[in-house]
C-alpha atoms as a PDB file:
ATOM      1  CA  MET A   1      35.703 -14.245   9.131  1.00  0.00           C
ATOM      2  CA  HIS A   2      36.194 -11.782   6.286  1.00  0.00           C
ATOM      3  CA  ALA A   3      35.400  -8.078   6.413  1.00  0.00           C
ATOM      4  CA  LEU A   4      35.301  -5.061   4.105  1.00  0.00           C
ATOM      5  CA  VAL A   5      38.080  -2.764   5.306  1.00  0.00           C
ATOM      6  CA  ASN A   6      38.445   0.912   4.476  1.00  0.00           C
ATOM      7  CA  ARG A   7      42.140   1.635   4.983  1.00  0.00           C
ATOM      8  CA  LYS A   8      42.269   5.357   4.205  1.00  0.00           C
ATOM      9  CA  ALA A   9      40.233   8.209   2.818  1.00  0.00           C
ATOM     10  CA  GLY A  10      39.859   8.050  -0.933  1.00  0.00           C
ATOM     11  CA  GLY A  11      37.980   6.619  -3.867  1.00  0.00           C
ATOM     12  CA  PRO A  12      36.303   3.209  -4.118  1.00  0.00           C
ATOM     13  CA  ASP A  13      39.685   1.584  -4.749  1.00  0.00           C
ATOM     14  CA  VAL A  14      40.674   1.983  -1.065  1.00  0.00           C
ATOM     15  CA  LEU A  15      38.213  -0.769  -0.064  1.00  0.00           C
ATOM     16  CA  GLU A  16      39.665  -4.237   0.545  1.00  0.00           C
ATOM     17  CA  VAL A  17      38.333  -7.573   1.789  1.00  0.00           C
ATOM     18  CA  GLU A  18      40.446  -8.815   4.685  1.00  0.00           C
ATOM     19  CA  THR A  19      40.461 -11.998   6.795  1.00  0.00           C
ATOM     20  CA  ARG A  20      40.164 -11.417  10.543  1.00  0.00           C
ATOM     21  CA  PRO A  21      39.706 -13.591  13.666  1.00  0.00           C
ATOM     22  CA  ASP A  22      36.151 -14.637  14.458  1.00  0.00           C
ATOM     23  CA  PRO A  23      34.611 -12.450  17.202  1.00  0.00           C
ATOM     24  CA  SER A  24      33.191 -13.866  20.435  1.00  0.00           C
ATOM     25  CA  PRO A  25      29.969 -12.512  21.941  1.00  0.00           C
ATOM     26  CA  GLY A  26      30.339 -10.726  25.258  1.00  0.00           C
ATOM     27  CA  PRO A  27      27.739 -10.484  28.036  1.00  0.00           C
ATOM     28  CA  GLY A  28      24.385  -9.391  26.602  1.00  0.00           C
ATOM     29  CA  GLU A  29      25.555  -9.904  23.022  1.00  0.00           C
ATOM     30  CA  VAL A  30      24.786 -12.297  20.208  1.00  0.00           C
ATOM     31  CA  ARG A  31      27.085 -13.281  17.374  1.00  0.00           C
ATOM     32  CA  LEU A  32      25.550 -13.275  13.919  1.00  0.00           C
ATOM     33  CA  ARG A  33      26.606 -15.142  10.839  1.00  0.00           C
ATOM     34  CA  VAL A  34      25.797 -12.346   8.431  1.00  0.00           C
ATOM     35  CA  LYS A  35      23.864 -13.051   5.252  1.00  0.00           C
ATOM     36  CA  ARG A  36      23.341  -9.511   3.982  1.00  0.00           C
ATOM     37  CA  ALA A  37      24.727  -6.124   5.040  1.00  0.00           C
ATOM     38  CA  GLY A  38      23.349  -2.726   4.095  1.00  0.00           C
ATOM     39  CA  LEU A  39      25.200   0.028   2.250  1.00  0.00           C
ATOM     40  CA  ASN A  40      24.274   3.575   3.261  1.00  0.00           C
ATOM     41  CA  PHE A  41      25.404   7.023   2.166  1.00  0.00           C
ATOM     42  CA  ALA A  42      27.142   7.348   5.533  1.00  0.00           C
ATOM     43  CA  ASP A  43      29.511   4.580   4.397  1.00  0.00           C
ATOM     44  CA  ILE A  44      30.412   6.621   1.338  1.00  0.00           C
ATOM     45  CA  ALA A  45      30.922   9.778   3.395  1.00  0.00           C
ATOM     46  CA  ALA A  46      33.177   7.786   5.729  1.00  0.00           C
ATOM     47  CA  ARG A  47      35.196   6.439   2.809  1.00  0.00           C
ATOM     48  CA  VAL A  48      35.975   9.928   1.519  1.00  0.00           C
ATOM     49  CA  GLY A  49      36.760  11.165   5.043  1.00  0.00           C
ATOM     50  CA  LEU A  50      33.654  13.301   5.651  1.00  0.00           C
ATOM     51  CA  TYR A  51      31.767  11.294   8.266  1.00  0.00           C
ATOM     52  CA  PRO A  52      32.706  12.484  11.773  1.00  0.00           C
ATOM     53  CA  ASP A  53      31.108   9.499  13.543  1.00  0.00           C
ATOM     54  CA  ALA A  54      33.126   6.897  11.626  1.00  0.00           C
ATOM     55  CA  PRO A  55      35.780   4.853  13.453  1.00  0.00           C
ATOM     56  CA  LYS A  56      39.425   5.558  12.743  1.00  0.00           C
ATOM     57  CA  PHE A  57      41.122   4.076   9.691  1.00  0.00           C
ATOM     58  CA  PRO A  58      41.422   1.194   8.999  1.00  0.00           C
ATOM     59  CA  MET A  59      37.739   0.653   9.675  1.00  0.00           C
ATOM     60  CA  VAL A  60      34.862  -1.693   8.948  1.00  0.00           C
ATOM     61  CA  MET A  61      31.611   0.145   8.337  1.00  0.00           C
ATOM     62  CA  GLY A  62      28.090  -1.219   8.341  1.00  0.00           C
ATOM     63  CA  TYR A  63      25.074  -0.161  10.389  1.00  0.00           C
ATOM     64  CA  GLU A  64      22.633  -2.968   9.577  1.00  0.00           C
ATOM     65  CA  VAL A  65      22.616  -6.667   8.832  1.00  0.00           C
ATOM     66  CA  SER A  66      20.465  -9.739   8.520  1.00  0.00           C
ATOM     67  CA  GLY A  67      21.710 -13.159   9.459  1.00  0.00           C
ATOM     68  CA  VAL A  68      21.529 -16.141  11.775  1.00  0.00           C
ATOM     69  CA  VAL A  69      22.445 -16.228  15.449  1.00  0.00           C
ATOM     70  CA  ASP A  70      25.322 -18.672  16.021  1.00  0.00           C
ATOM     71  CA  GLY A  71      26.595 -17.598  19.427  1.00  0.00           C
ATOM     72  CA  VAL A  72      24.926 -16.212  22.542  1.00  0.00           C
ATOM     73  CA  GLY A  73      26.642 -14.304  25.345  1.00  0.00           C
ATOM     74  CA  SER A  74      25.825 -14.612  29.008  1.00  0.00           C
ATOM     75  CA  GLY A  75      22.563 -13.081  30.155  1.00  0.00           C
ATOM     76  CA  VAL A  76      20.831 -13.297  26.769  1.00  0.00           C
ATOM     77  CA  THR A  77      17.398 -14.917  26.964  1.00  0.00           C
ATOM     78  CA  THR A  78      15.548 -13.315  24.054  1.00  0.00           C
ATOM     79  CA  LEU A  79      17.459 -15.044  21.225  1.00  0.00           C
ATOM     80  CA  ARG A  80      19.050 -18.408  20.609  1.00  0.00           C
ATOM     81  CA  ASP A  81      21.264 -20.134  18.061  1.00  0.00           C
ATOM     82  CA  GLY A  82      19.573 -20.531  14.703  1.00  0.00           C
ATOM     83  CA  ASP A  83      17.249 -17.533  14.986  1.00  0.00           C
ATOM     84  CA  ARG A  84      16.895 -15.506  11.790  1.00  0.00           C
ATOM     85  CA  VAL A  85      17.311 -11.858  12.739  1.00  0.00           C
ATOM     86  CA  THR A  86      17.546  -8.302  11.503  1.00  0.00           C
ATOM     87  CA  ALA A  87      19.885  -6.119  13.515  1.00  0.00           C
ATOM     88  CA  THR A  88      21.470  -2.695  13.824  1.00  0.00           C
ATOM     89  CA  CYS A  89      25.133  -2.385  14.660  1.00  0.00           C
ATOM     90  CA  ARG A  90      27.410   0.536  15.379  1.00  0.00           C
ATOM     91  CA  PHE A  91      29.871  -0.348  12.618  1.00  0.00           C
ATOM     92  CA  GLY A  92      31.391  -3.718  11.774  1.00  0.00           C
ATOM     93  CA  GLY A  93      28.335  -4.999   9.904  1.00  0.00           C
ATOM     94  CA  GLN A  94      29.993  -5.328   6.503  1.00  0.00           C
ATOM     95  CA  ALA A  95      31.594  -8.620   7.440  1.00  0.00           C
ATOM     96  CA  SER A  96      30.704 -12.302   7.518  1.00  0.00           C
ATOM     97  CA  MET A  97      30.343 -12.222  11.326  1.00  0.00           C
ATOM     98  CA  VAL A  98      29.496  -9.503  13.818  1.00  0.00           C
ATOM     99  CA  CYS A  99      28.593  -9.293  17.500  1.00  0.00           C
ATOM    100  CA  VAL A 100      25.771  -6.971  18.540  1.00  0.00           C
ATOM    101  CA  PRO A 101      23.854  -6.313  21.756  1.00  0.00           C
ATOM    102  CA  ALA A 102      20.847  -8.625  21.837  1.00  0.00           C
ATOM    103  CA  THR A 103      18.640  -5.555  22.359  1.00  0.00           C
ATOM    104  CA  GLN A 104      19.544  -4.422  18.815  1.00  0.00           C
ATOM    105  CA  ALA A 105      18.434  -7.645  17.109  1.00  0.00           C
ATOM    106  CA  ARG A 106      14.921  -8.855  16.364  1.00  0.00           C
ATOM    107  CA  ARG A 107      13.605 -12.107  14.926  1.00  0.00           C
ATOM    108  CA  MET A 108      12.445 -11.627  11.365  1.00  0.00           C
ATOM    109  CA  PRO A 109       8.921 -12.627  10.322  1.00  0.00           C
ATOM    110  CA  ASP A 110       8.911 -16.014   8.613  1.00  0.00           C
ATOM    111  CA  ALA A 111       8.060 -14.475   5.242  1.00  0.00           C
ATOM    112  CA  MET A 112      10.822 -11.865   5.386  1.00  0.00           C
ATOM    113  CA  THR A 113      13.888 -12.584   3.254  1.00  0.00           C
ATOM    114  CA  PHE A 114      17.449 -11.842   4.299  1.00  0.00           C
ATOM    115  CA  ASP A 115      17.532  -9.139   1.622  1.00  0.00           C
ATOM    116  CA  GLU A 116      14.509  -7.438   3.172  1.00  0.00           C
ATOM    117  CA  GLY A 117      15.844  -7.929   6.689  1.00  0.00           C
ATOM    118  CA  ALA A 118      19.069  -6.080   5.913  1.00  0.00           C
ATOM    119  CA  ALA A 119      17.293  -3.341   3.945  1.00  0.00           C
ATOM    120  CA  LEU A 120      14.850  -2.519   6.737  1.00  0.00           C
ATOM    121  CA  PRO A 121      16.646  -1.098   9.801  1.00  0.00           C
ATOM    122  CA  VAL A 122      18.484   2.102   8.843  1.00  0.00           C
ATOM    123  CA  ASN A 123      16.235   3.422   6.078  1.00  0.00           C
ATOM    124  CA  TYR A 124      12.926   2.572   7.702  1.00  0.00           C
ATOM    125  CA  LEU A 125      13.926   3.573  11.224  1.00  0.00           C
ATOM    126  CA  THR A 126      15.114   6.934   9.888  1.00  0.00           C
ATOM    127  CA  ALA A 127      11.870   7.508   7.985  1.00  0.00           C
ATOM    128  CA  TYR A 128       9.759   6.282  10.906  1.00  0.00           C
ATOM    129  CA  GLN A 129      11.588   8.560  13.342  1.00  0.00           C
ATOM    130  CA  MET A 130      10.786  11.571  11.176  1.00  0.00           C
ATOM    131  CA  LEU A 131       7.244  10.819  10.103  1.00  0.00           C
ATOM    132  CA  PHE A 132       5.846   9.227  13.243  1.00  0.00           C
ATOM    133  CA  TRP A 133       7.908  10.548  16.129  1.00  0.00           C
ATOM    134  CA  THR A 134       9.650  13.935  15.807  1.00  0.00           C
ATOM    135  CA  ALA A 135       6.824  15.710  13.929  1.00  0.00           C
ATOM    136  CA  PRO A 136       4.086  13.169  13.237  1.00  0.00           C
ATOM    137  CA  LEU A 137       2.443  13.035   9.828  1.00  0.00           C
ATOM    138  CA  LEU A 138      -1.330  13.516   9.991  1.00  0.00           C
ATOM    139  CA  PRO A 139      -4.103  12.456   7.587  1.00  0.00           C
ATOM    140  CA  GLY A 140      -4.564  14.768   4.627  1.00  0.00           C
ATOM    141  CA  MET A 141      -1.116  16.313   4.787  1.00  0.00           C
ATOM    142  CA  SER A 142       1.297  16.775   1.862  1.00  0.00           C
ATOM    143  CA  VAL A 143       4.939  15.674   1.851  1.00  0.00           C
ATOM    144  CA  LEU A 144       7.970  16.446  -0.322  1.00  0.00           C
ATOM    145  CA  VAL A 145      10.552  13.638  -0.343  1.00  0.00           C
ATOM    146  CA  HIS A 146      13.967  14.476  -1.753  1.00  0.00           C
ATOM    147  CA  MET A 147      16.003  11.648  -3.305  1.00  0.00           C
ATOM    148  CA  ALA A 148      12.694   9.805  -3.440  1.00  0.00           C
ATOM    149  CA  ALA A 149      14.052   6.738  -5.265  1.00  0.00           C
ATOM    150  CA  GLY A 150      16.723   6.074  -2.643  1.00  0.00           C
ATOM    151  CA  GLY A 151      16.428   3.780   0.352  1.00  0.00           C
ATOM    152  CA  VAL A 152      15.067   6.327   2.842  1.00  0.00           C
ATOM    153  CA  GLY A 153      12.955   7.921   0.125  1.00  0.00           C
ATOM    154  CA  LEU A 154      11.117   4.706  -0.751  1.00  0.00           C
ATOM    155  CA  ALA A 155      10.754   3.834   2.939  1.00  0.00           C
ATOM    156  CA  ALA A 156       9.188   7.245   3.555  1.00  0.00           C
ATOM    157  CA  ILE A 157       6.817   6.829   0.606  1.00  0.00           C
ATOM    158  CA  GLN A 158       5.604   3.466   1.912  1.00  0.00           C
ATOM    159  CA  LEU A 159       5.123   4.863   5.422  1.00  0.00           C
ATOM    160  CA  CYS A 160       3.281   7.914   4.056  1.00  0.00           C
ATOM    161  CA  ARG A 161       0.859   5.556   2.332  1.00  0.00           C
ATOM    162  CA  THR A 162      -0.134   4.086   5.701  1.00  0.00           C
ATOM    163  CA  VAL A 163      -1.642   7.488   6.612  1.00  0.00           C
ATOM    164  CA  PRO A 164      -4.959   8.317   4.882  1.00  0.00           C
ATOM    165  CA  GLY A 165      -5.103  11.077   2.293  1.00  0.00           C
ATOM    166  CA  VAL A 166      -1.418  12.029   2.180  1.00  0.00           C
ATOM    167  CA  THR A 167      -0.219  13.668  -1.050  1.00  0.00           C
ATOM    168  CA  ILE A 168       3.379  12.827  -1.963  1.00  0.00           C
ATOM    169  CA  PHE A 169       5.837  14.886  -4.007  1.00  0.00           C
ATOM    170  CA  GLY A 170       9.196  13.325  -4.838  1.00  0.00           C
ATOM    171  CA  THR A 171      12.406  14.522  -6.502  1.00  0.00           C
ATOM    172  CA  ALA A 172      14.373  12.121  -8.706  1.00  0.00           C
ATOM    173  CA  SER A 173      15.789  11.928 -12.207  1.00  0.00           C
ATOM    174  CA  ALA A 174      13.186  11.572 -14.949  1.00  0.00           C
ATOM    175  CA  ALA A 175      14.131   7.945 -15.643  1.00  0.00           C
ATOM    176  CA  LYS A 176      12.834   6.990 -12.183  1.00  0.00           C
ATOM    177  CA  HIS A 177       9.476   8.763 -12.385  1.00  0.00           C
ATOM    178  CA  ASP A 178       7.400   5.833 -13.674  1.00  0.00           C
ATOM    179  CA  PHE A 179       8.708   3.687 -10.826  1.00  0.00           C
ATOM    180  CA  LEU A 180       7.913   6.413  -8.304  1.00  0.00           C
ATOM    181  CA  ARG A 181       4.357   6.766  -9.596  1.00  0.00           C
ATOM    182  CA  THR A 182       3.892   3.033  -9.134  1.00  0.00           C
ATOM    183  CA  ALA A 183       5.320   3.351  -5.620  1.00  0.00           C
ATOM    184  CA  GLY A 184       2.752   5.992  -4.733  1.00  0.00           C
ATOM    185  CA  VAL A 185       4.258   9.383  -5.590  1.00  0.00           C
ATOM    186  CA  HIS A 186       1.568  11.708  -6.925  1.00  0.00           C
ATOM    187  CA  HIS A 187       3.904  14.413  -8.231  1.00  0.00           C
ATOM    188  CA  PRO A 188       7.409  13.337  -9.356  1.00  0.00           C
ATOM    189  CA  ILE A 189       9.825  16.248  -9.944  1.00  0.00           C
ATOM    190  CA  ASP A 190      12.948  15.994 -12.093  1.00  0.00           C
ATOM    191  CA  TYR A 191      15.609  17.718  -9.999  1.00  0.00           C
ATOM    192  CA  ARG A 192      17.916  17.958 -13.034  1.00  0.00           C
ATOM    193  CA  THR A 193      15.584  19.992 -15.236  1.00  0.00           C
ATOM    194  CA  GLN A 194      12.974  21.436 -12.848  1.00  0.00           C
ATOM    195  CA  ASP A 195      13.160  23.817  -9.878  1.00  0.00           C
ATOM    196  CA  PHE A 196      11.561  21.838  -7.059  1.00  0.00           C
ATOM    197  CA  VAL A 197      10.525  25.027  -5.232  1.00  0.00           C
ATOM    198  CA  ALA A 198       8.673  26.381  -8.256  1.00  0.00           C
ATOM    199  CA  GLU A 199       7.088  22.994  -8.993  1.00  0.00           C
ATOM    200  CA  VAL A 200       5.830  22.479  -5.442  1.00  0.00           C
ATOM    201  CA  MET A 201       4.383  25.970  -5.210  1.00  0.00           C
ATOM    202  CA  LYS A 202       2.750  25.666  -8.639  1.00  0.00           C
ATOM    203  CA  ARG A 203       1.194  22.284  -7.911  1.00  0.00           C
ATOM    204  CA  THR A 204      -0.086  23.387  -4.478  1.00  0.00           C
ATOM    205  CA  GLY A 205      -1.496  26.697  -5.691  1.00  0.00           C
ATOM    206  CA  GLY A 206       1.159  28.614  -3.738  1.00  0.00           C
ATOM    207  CA  ARG A 207       0.242  26.975  -0.454  1.00  0.00           C
ATOM    208  CA  GLY A 208       3.266  24.721  -0.007  1.00  0.00           C
ATOM    209  CA  VAL A 209       3.607  21.321   1.665  1.00  0.00           C
ATOM    210  CA  ASP A 210       3.318  20.234   5.283  1.00  0.00           C
ATOM    211  CA  ARG A 211       6.513  18.176   5.517  1.00  0.00           C
ATOM    212  CA  VAL A 212       9.827  17.988   3.647  1.00  0.00           C
ATOM    213  CA  LEU A 213      12.353  15.147   4.022  1.00  0.00           C
ATOM    214  CA  ASP A 214      15.727  16.600   3.021  1.00  0.00           C
ATOM    215  CA  ALA A 215      19.057  14.766   3.079  1.00  0.00           C
ATOM    216  CA  LEU A 216      20.584  17.147   0.513  1.00  0.00           C
ATOM    217  CA  GLY A 217      21.693  19.780   3.003  1.00  0.00           C
ATOM    218  CA  GLY A 218      23.355  23.164   2.663  1.00  0.00           C
ATOM    219  CA  LYS A 219      21.520  25.672   0.475  1.00  0.00           C
ATOM    220  CA  ASP A 220      18.819  23.105  -0.287  1.00  0.00           C
ATOM    221  CA  TRP A 221      17.637  23.154   3.332  1.00  0.00           C
ATOM    222  CA  GLU A 222      16.799  26.842   2.959  1.00  0.00           C
ATOM    223  CA  ARG A 223      15.026  26.210  -0.347  1.00  0.00           C
ATOM    224  CA  SER A 224      13.079  23.318   1.187  1.00  0.00           C
ATOM    225  CA  VAL A 225      11.892  25.529   4.041  1.00  0.00           C
ATOM    226  CA  SER A 226      10.558  27.971   1.431  1.00  0.00           C
ATOM    227  CA  THR A 227       8.240  25.205   0.140  1.00  0.00           C
ATOM    228  CA  LEU A 228       6.623  24.709   3.553  1.00  0.00           C
ATOM    229  CA  ARG A 229       3.172  26.017   4.296  1.00  0.00           C
ATOM    230  CA  SER A 230       2.486  27.682   7.644  1.00  0.00           C
ATOM    231  CA  GLY A 231       2.860  25.099  10.387  1.00  0.00           C
ATOM    232  CA  GLY A 232       5.093  22.936   8.200  1.00  0.00           C
ATOM    233  CA  THR A 233       8.226  21.066   9.240  1.00  0.00           C
ATOM    234  CA  LEU A 234      11.545  20.324   7.550  1.00  0.00           C
ATOM    235  CA  TYR A 235      13.199  17.038   8.505  1.00  0.00           C
ATOM    236  CA  ALA A 236      16.969  17.417   8.049  1.00  0.00           C
ATOM    237  CA  PHE A 237      18.640  14.004   8.079  1.00  0.00           C
ATOM    238  CA  GLY A 238      21.733  14.165   5.874  1.00  0.00           C
ATOM    239  CA  TRP A 239      24.069  16.377   3.870  1.00  0.00           C
ATOM    240  CA  ALA A 240      24.625  14.544   0.593  1.00  0.00           C
ATOM    241  CA  ASN A 241      25.699  17.757  -1.151  1.00  0.00           C
ATOM    242  CA  MET A 242      28.850  17.681   0.970  1.00  0.00           C
ATOM    243  CA  VAL A 243      30.193  14.654  -0.935  1.00  0.00           C
ATOM    244  CA  ASP A 244      31.366  15.746  -4.362  1.00  0.00           C
ATOM    245  CA  GLY A 245      33.504  13.259  -6.273  1.00  0.00           C
ATOM    246  CA  GLU A 246      35.386  10.156  -5.217  1.00  0.00           C
ATOM    247  CA  LYS A 247      37.647  11.987  -2.753  1.00  0.00           C
ATOM    248  CA  ARG A 248      37.186  14.662  -0.120  1.00  0.00           C
ATOM    249  CA  ASN A 249      37.001  18.130  -1.644  1.00  0.00           C
ATOM    250  CA  LEU A 250      37.754  20.781   0.972  1.00  0.00           C
ATOM    251  CA  LEU A 251      36.599  23.547  -1.360  1.00  0.00           C
ATOM    252  CA  THR A 252      33.192  21.876  -1.618  1.00  0.00           C
ATOM    253  CA  VAL A 253      33.085  21.499   2.166  1.00  0.00           C
ATOM    254  CA  ALA A 254      33.863  25.193   2.633  1.00  0.00           C
ATOM    255  CA  ARG A 255      31.265  26.246   0.078  1.00  0.00           C
ATOM    256  CA  GLN A 256      28.609  24.075   1.711  1.00  0.00           C
ATOM    257  CA  PHE A 257      29.219  25.549   5.153  1.00  0.00           C
ATOM    258  CA  LEU A 258      29.268  29.099   3.810  1.00  0.00           C
ATOM    259  CA  SER A 259      25.951  28.527   2.010  1.00  0.00           C
ATOM    260  CA  LEU A 260      24.262  27.198   5.144  1.00  0.00           C
ATOM    261  CA  LYS A 261      21.534  29.466   6.474  1.00  0.00           C
ATOM    262  CA  ARG A 262      21.264  29.678  10.255  1.00  0.00           C
ATOM    263  CA  TRP A 263      17.748  30.229  11.496  1.00  0.00           C
ATOM    264  CA  SER A 264      16.997  31.830  14.850  1.00  0.00           C
ATOM    265  CA  PRO A 265      14.084  30.701  17.033  1.00  0.00           C
ATOM    266  CA  MET A 266      12.549  34.149  16.517  1.00  0.00           C
ATOM    267  CA  GLU A 267      12.663  33.760  12.731  1.00  0.00           C
ATOM    268  CA  LEU A 268      11.077  30.316  12.866  1.00  0.00           C
ATOM    269  CA  MET A 269       8.412  31.650  15.199  1.00  0.00           C
ATOM    270  CA  ASP A 270       7.612  34.459  12.778  1.00  0.00           C
ATOM    271  CA  LEU A 271       7.511  31.995   9.872  1.00  0.00           C
ATOM    272  CA  ASN A 272       5.366  29.484  11.773  1.00  0.00           C
ATOM    273  CA  LYS A 273       7.672  26.755  10.489  1.00  0.00           C
ATOM    274  CA  GLY A 274       9.822  24.143  12.181  1.00  0.00           C
ATOM    275  CA  ILE A 275      13.091  22.329  11.539  1.00  0.00           C
ATOM    276  CA  VAL A 276      13.949  19.029  13.200  1.00  0.00           C
ATOM    277  CA  GLY A 277      17.087  16.967  12.821  1.00  0.00           C
ATOM    278  CA  VAL A 278      17.289  13.184  12.755  1.00  0.00           C
ATOM    279  CA  ASN A 279      20.545  11.251  13.043  1.00  0.00           C
ATOM    280  CA  LEU A 280      19.977   7.575  13.719  1.00  0.00           C
ATOM    281  CA  GLY A 281      23.669   7.161  14.530  1.00  0.00           C
ATOM    282  CA  HIS A 282      23.195   9.394  17.583  1.00  0.00           C
ATOM    283  CA  LEU A 283      20.257   7.438  18.984  1.00  0.00           C
ATOM    284  CA  TRP A 284      22.078   4.305  20.153  1.00  0.00           C
ATOM    285  CA  HIS A 285      21.452   5.256  23.777  1.00  0.00           C
ATOM    286  CA  GLU A 286      17.672   5.225  23.113  1.00  0.00           C
ATOM    287  CA  THR A 287      17.500   1.438  23.120  1.00  0.00           C
ATOM    288  CA  GLU A 288      13.848   1.164  24.101  1.00  0.00           C
ATOM    289  CA  LEU A 289      12.753   3.837  21.622  1.00  0.00           C
ATOM    290  CA  LEU A 290      14.545   2.296  18.641  1.00  0.00           C
ATOM    291  CA  GLY A 291      13.441  -1.180  19.677  1.00  0.00           C
ATOM    292  CA  ALA A 292       9.801  -0.090  19.812  1.00  0.00           C
ATOM    293  CA  HIS A 293      10.082   1.553  16.389  1.00  0.00           C
ATOM    294  CA  LEU A 294      11.696  -1.541  14.879  1.00  0.00           C
ATOM    295  CA  GLU A 295       8.956  -3.722  16.350  1.00  0.00           C
ATOM    296  CA  ALA A 296       6.350  -1.421  14.804  1.00  0.00           C
ATOM    297  CA  LEU A 297       8.055  -1.678  11.417  1.00  0.00           C
ATOM    298  CA  LEU A 298       8.162  -5.466  11.618  1.00  0.00           C
ATOM    299  CA  ARG A 299       4.426  -5.491  12.357  1.00  0.00           C
ATOM    300  CA  LEU A 300       3.829  -3.255   9.335  1.00  0.00           C
ATOM    301  CA  SER A 301       5.928  -5.677   7.287  1.00  0.00           C
ATOM    302  CA  GLU A 302       3.865  -8.652   8.439  1.00  0.00           C
ATOM    303  CA  ARG A 303       0.728  -6.794   7.319  1.00  0.00           C
ATOM    304  CA  GLY A 304       2.289  -6.076   3.944  1.00  0.00           C
ATOM    305  CA  ALA A 305       2.163  -2.319   4.516  1.00  0.00           C
ATOM    306  CA  VAL A 306       5.913  -1.917   4.030  1.00  0.00           C
ATOM    307  CA  ARG A 307       8.341  -3.978   2.005  1.00  0.00           C
ATOM    308  CA  PRO A 308      11.918  -2.865   1.322  1.00  0.00           C
ATOM    309  CA  HIS A 309      12.789  -2.561  -2.342  1.00  0.00           C
ATOM    310  CA  VAL A 310      16.273  -3.912  -3.032  1.00  0.00           C
ATOM    311  CA  ASP A 311      18.002  -2.383  -6.039  1.00  0.00           C
ATOM    312  CA  ARG A 312      21.139  -4.541  -6.245  1.00  0.00           C
ATOM    313  CA  VAL A 313      23.140  -7.004  -4.191  1.00  0.00           C
ATOM    314  CA  PHE A 314      26.920  -6.826  -4.598  1.00  0.00           C
ATOM    315  CA  PRO A 315      29.513  -9.294  -3.276  1.00  0.00           C
ATOM    316  CA  LEU A 316      31.992  -7.743  -0.866  1.00  0.00           C
ATOM    317  CA  SER A 317      34.675  -8.152  -3.525  1.00  0.00           C
ATOM    318  CA  LYS A 318      32.736  -5.654  -5.676  1.00  0.00           C
ATOM    319  CA  ALA A 319      32.362  -3.081  -2.899  1.00  0.00           C
ATOM    320  CA  GLY A 320      33.999  -0.356  -4.973  1.00  0.00           C
ATOM    321  CA  GLU A 321      31.379  -0.816  -7.684  1.00  0.00           C
ATOM    322  CA  ALA A 322      28.618  -0.677  -5.085  1.00  0.00           C
ATOM    323  CA  HIS A 323      29.955   2.594  -3.649  1.00  0.00           C
ATOM    324  CA  ALA A 324      30.251   4.137  -7.114  1.00  0.00           C
ATOM    325  CA  TRP A 325      26.701   3.027  -7.988  1.00  0.00           C
ATOM    326  CA  VAL A 326      25.150   4.653  -4.916  1.00  0.00           C
ATOM    327  CA  GLN A 327      27.304   7.784  -5.079  1.00  0.00           C
ATOM    328  CA  ALA A 328      26.192   8.352  -8.680  1.00  0.00           C
ATOM    329  CA  ARG A 329      22.574   8.022  -7.452  1.00  0.00           C
ATOM    330  CA  LYS A 330      21.863   5.221  -9.899  1.00  0.00           C
ATOM    331  CA  ASN A 331      20.101   3.040  -7.344  1.00  0.00           C
ATOM    332  CA  VAL A 332      16.350   2.704  -7.000  1.00  0.00           C
ATOM    333  CA  GLY A 333      15.932   1.493  -3.440  1.00  0.00           C
ATOM    334  CA  LYS A 334      18.459  -0.282  -1.254  1.00  0.00           C
ATOM    335  CA  VAL A 335      21.904  -1.572  -2.163  1.00  0.00           C
ATOM    336  CA  LEU A 336      23.185  -4.550  -0.153  1.00  0.00           C
ATOM    337  CA  PHE A 337      26.299  -6.671   0.220  1.00  0.00           C
ATOM    338  CA  ASP A 338      26.167 -10.440  -0.012  1.00  0.00           C
ATOM    339  CA  VAL A 339      28.918 -11.201   2.485  1.00  0.00           C
ATOM    340  CA  GLU A 340      28.908 -14.908   1.618  1.00  0.00           C
ATOM    341  CA  ALA A 341      29.677 -14.413  -2.088  1.00  0.00           C
END
C-alpha cells in the first residue's frame, strides 16, 4: 500500500507518499481498498504542529474514506468483501488501504459516488451533531454559518434547508456569494469587507440570530455570541484563526489564547445565551450515537435532501497543493484525495 506521510511539522513540502506493508484486519475490523480520502482543516493543523489529537510524527492523517471492503476480520457479520462503503477512521485514511472497526463503516446507497461517500462523514456528522443533537434547530429559526463555502458550511446549509422556514446567513469572500445564494443562503456576508456583527444586526433589525456555527475561534467566538438573540446558541467546533501561515507561529498562538474570552455560567445565565462545543474527534467512544447519525445522513442522501459538493480531487502526489488550496480558503465545498492516482 502507499500512504501520505507527514514526517515533521512544517509547510506543505513536508508531505511525502511512502510505500508501506498492507495492513491485516483484526477482530471486528474490515480492511478497505480506499478510493477517496477526505482532507480536513484538522489535517492542516496537524501538519503545522497545532493539532493536539494528531499521532506522533511521522504520521498518516485522514478521518474519512470511501472504498471497497477487501478483507473481513473475525466476528464481522455486517459487511463482506466487495461492499462499497463510507467510513470514519481515527487517522490512517489518507492511504490506499486502511483497517477500521466494522461499526464505523456503512454501505453506501447505490446512487452515491465514491467522491460523495468520502465527503460525507466528517463534515456532515459535525454539522448534524450541532444542528440536530447538541442544540436542535427548530422551524423558523435563523442561523449564521461562518466559512459557509467550506465543507462543514455547505453541509450545515443543506441540513438547515431540511427544517422549514430557517433563514441562513453565511460569511465567505464575495466571489463565492452567487454560489452560496444558489445553495440556499439568504444573506451572504463578505468577511473581508463587511463586519459580520454589524451586518447580522442590521439585517435582523437588531434582534440577532438563533444559532451561530463558528470554527474561527478566539476573538471571533465573542463577536459571534454578540450576534445571538436571547435564547440563542453558539456552536464552537474549530479554531481556524490559530493557523497562520505554512508553519506554526507561536506568537499567533499566544495572541489567540490571550484574546479568548472566558464566560462564566452566571454571565451566560444573565445573557440568556448558550455555548456548546463539538469535536467529532472526541466522540469515537459514542459508537452507537455516531452510527445512528451517519445512518440518518445516508437516509437524507437517498432522499436527495443532502448531497456533498466536491470542490477538487487531488492525487496523493499533489497533497502539498491540496493543503495550500484549503489553507488559503480557496475551496468551495470538500477537497478529496484520489489515492489510486
